Amino acid sequence: MPINKNAAFILKSCGILLICAAALFVFMAYAAEENSTAPSEPDTAIEADGLNYIKIDNDVYEKDRKGPVTFSHRKHAKEYGVSCWECHHDYADGENVWSPWEDTMACVECHDPSEDDGEIMKLQTAYHLNCKTCHKEQAVFGNDAQAYRKCTTCHERQ
């Protein structure tokens, strides 16, 4: 049974409206994500909102003297242009063979929180070396040399 011209026009118009509504929904979801602020209680793992806020919570240390560090994964990657490989790694024969489409292990899976094992530095040393070195190179705190000595510049008090 052939469809008359009016019915075809209505079907085509409905299809266009559905496509426009879907595009508007995607745009609004993206805009809401870009304008989001830090959640009040970030998870210790990567948040479901597109790898945004990550909390390094020190649960594995015998004593949690300084409190957790919360930072924006999105801001470091997108705004600051930090390469994935600056923080994420998996070494084989002295070369970083990790890739973003593979699983990302927690740092503590390789970095022991209590001691160096000779080849792999302990967890706190790895964090401090990686974060402080990059922040100094990028002049994150300007000329404030004391900012790196004040633990609460990055660590949240508890």
Protein backbone atom coordinates (compact mmCIF):
# COMPACT_ATOMS: atom_id res chain seq x y z
CA MET A 1 0.00 0.00 0.00
CA PRO A 2 1.67 3.26 -1.11
CA ILE A 3 2.13 6.13 1.37
CA ASN A 4 0.55 9.39 0.29
CA LYS A 5 2.61 12.60 0.12
CA ASN A 6 1.14 14.05 3.34
CA ALA A 7 1.99 10.95 5.35
CA ALA A 8 5.54 10.90 3.92
CA PHE A 9 5.98 14.58 4.79
CA ILE A 10 4.79 13.96 8.38
CA LEU A 11 7.12 10.96 8.80
CA LYS A 12 10.08 12.92 7.42
CA SER A 13 9.28 15.89 9.70
CA CYS A 14 9.04 13.63 12.76
CA GLY A 15 12.39 12.06 11.89
CA ILE A 16 14.03 15.49 11.59
CA LEU A 17 12.50 16.56 14.91
CA LEU A 18 13.80 13.40 16.62
CA ILE A 19 17.31 14.01 15.27
CA CYS A 20 17.22 17.64 16.44
CA ALA A 21 15.97 16.61 19.89
CA ALA A 22 18.76 14.00 20.19
CA ALA A 23 21.38 16.56 19.15
CA LEU A 24 20.02 19.05 21.69
CA PHE A 25 20.12 16.38 24.43
CA VAL A 26 23.76 15.54 23.61
CA PHE A 27 24.71 19.24 23.57
CA MET A 28 22.99 19.88 26.93
CA ALA A 29 24.66 16.84 28.51
CA TYR A 30 28.07 18.01 27.27
CA ALA A 31 27.47 21.59 28.50
CA ALA A 32 26.36 20.33 31.93
CA GLU A 33 29.50 18.17 32.18
CA GLU A 34 31.78 21.07 31.23
CA ASN A 35 30.18 23.36 33.82
CA SER A 36 30.16 20.82 36.63
CA THR A 37 31.96 21.58 39.84
CA ALA A 38 33.78 19.21 42.12
CA PRO A 39 31.51 16.70 43.75
CA SER A 40 31.23 17.12 47.51
CA GLU A 41 32.65 13.66 48.14
CA PRO A 42 34.75 12.42 45.21
CA ASP A 43 35.22 8.70 44.95
CA THR A 44 38.64 7.17 45.47
CA ALA A 45 38.42 5.88 41.92
CA ILE A 46 37.65 7.63 38.67
CA GLU A 47 34.23 9.28 38.71
CA ALA A 48 31.57 8.21 36.21
CA ASP A 49 31.32 11.77 34.88
CA GLY A 50 34.04 11.36 32.29
CA LEU A 51 37.21 10.91 34.36
CA ASN A 52 36.79 14.20 36.13
CA TYR A 53 37.63 14.24 39.83
CA ILE A 54 39.98 11.71 41.35
CA LYS A 55 40.76 11.41 45.04
CA ILE A 56 44.06 9.92 46.15
CA ASP A 57 42.93 8.88 49.60
CA ASN A 58 45.94 7.30 51.32
CA ASP A 59 43.88 4.35 52.62
CA VAL A 60 46.88 2.08 52.13
CA TYR A 61 49.25 3.98 54.44
CA GLU A 62 49.79 2.90 58.04
CA LYS A 63 49.30 6.51 59.15
CA ASP A 64 47.34 9.04 57.13
CA ARG A 65 49.06 12.16 58.41
CA LYS A 66 48.27 14.68 55.68
CA GLY A 67 44.89 13.70 54.27
CA PRO A 68 43.81 12.98 50.69
CA VAL A 69 44.54 14.89 47.48
CA THR A 70 41.67 15.59 45.07
CA PHE A 71 42.39 16.76 41.57
CA SER A 72 40.63 17.15 38.25
CA HIS A 73 41.72 14.57 35.71
CA ARG A 74 39.92 16.53 32.96
CA LYS A 75 41.67 19.79 33.82
CA HIS A 76 45.11 18.16 33.82
CA ALA A 77 44.47 16.35 30.53
CA LYS A 78 42.46 18.93 28.57
CA GLU A 79 43.39 22.35 29.94
CA TYR A 80 46.98 21.72 30.97
CA GLY A 81 47.74 19.32 28.11
CA VAL A 82 49.34 16.68 30.34
CA SER A 83 49.93 13.53 28.31
CA CYS A 84 48.39 10.31 29.63
CA TRP A 85 51.87 8.78 29.77
CA GLU A 86 53.10 11.44 32.22
CA CYS A 87 51.21 9.70 35.03
CA HIS A 88 50.12 6.32 33.67
CA HIS A 89 52.75 3.74 32.90
CA ASP A 90 53.61 0.08 32.61
CA TYR A 91 57.31 -0.53 32.04
CA ALA A 92 58.74 -3.43 30.08
CA ASP A 93 62.46 -3.48 29.22
CA GLY A 94 62.81 0.15 30.35
CA GLU A 95 60.07 1.42 28.01
CA ASN A 96 56.59 2.62 28.91
CA VAL A 97 54.29 0.21 27.05
CA TRP A 98 51.01 1.36 28.63
CA SER A 99 48.28 2.60 26.30
CA PRO A 100 45.06 4.52 27.13
CA TRP A 101 42.77 1.84 25.72
CA GLU A 102 44.13 -0.74 28.18
CA ASP A 103 43.16 -1.16 31.82
CA THR A 104 44.59 1.43 34.19
CA MET A 105 45.83 -0.20 37.36
CA ALA A 106 45.85 1.58 40.70
CA CYS A 107 49.30 2.95 41.56
CA VAL A 108 49.45 0.80 44.71
CA GLU A 109 49.32 -2.38 42.61
CA CYS A 110 53.00 -1.81 41.75
CA HIS A 111 54.16 0.91 44.15
CA ASP A 112 54.36 -0.44 47.70
CA PRO A 113 53.20 2.16 50.26
CA SER A 114 55.82 1.12 52.83
CA GLU A 115 59.11 0.62 51.03
CA ASP A 116 61.10 0.82 47.81
CA ASP A 117 61.87 -2.55 46.29
CA GLY A 118 65.00 -1.41 44.47
CA GLU A 119 63.53 -0.89 41.00
CA ILE A 120 60.11 0.49 41.90
CA MET A 121 59.89 3.47 44.28
CA LYS A 122 57.42 3.47 47.12
CA LEU A 123 54.00 4.98 46.57
CA GLN A 124 54.39 8.33 48.35
CA THR A 125 57.74 8.97 46.65
CA ALA A 126 56.20 8.22 43.24
CA TYR A 127 53.31 10.62 43.84
CA HIS A 128 55.48 13.40 45.20
CA LEU A 129 58.15 13.06 42.53
CA ASN A 130 55.67 12.99 39.65
CA CYS A 131 53.33 15.74 40.92
CA LYS A 132 55.90 18.12 42.41
CA THR A 133 58.25 17.86 39.43
CA CYS A 134 55.50 18.67 36.94
CA HIS A 135 54.07 21.49 39.09
CA LYS A 136 57.52 23.08 39.42
CA GLU A 137 58.25 22.75 35.68
CA GLN A 138 54.87 24.29 34.82
CA ALA A 139 55.22 26.98 37.55
CA VAL A 140 51.80 25.96 38.90
CA PHE A 141 52.29 28.00 42.08
CA GLY A 142 54.17 30.81 40.38
CA ASN A 143 57.31 31.85 42.25
CA ASP A 144 56.02 30.60 45.61
CA ALA A 145 58.76 28.16 46.61
CA GLN A 146 57.02 27.58 49.96
CA ALA A 147 53.90 26.16 48.27
CA TYR A 148 55.75 22.88 47.75
CA ARG A 149 56.66 22.72 51.43
CA LYS A 150 53.10 23.36 52.65
CA CYS A 151 51.39 19.99 52.55
CA THR A 152 47.93 21.59 52.66
CA THR A 153 48.57 23.26 49.30
CA CYS A 154 47.51 19.93 47.78
CA HIS A 155 46.42 17.75 50.71
CA GLU A 156 42.98 18.24 52.27
CA ARG A 157 43.02 18.46 56.05
CA GLN A 158 40.86 15.92 57.80
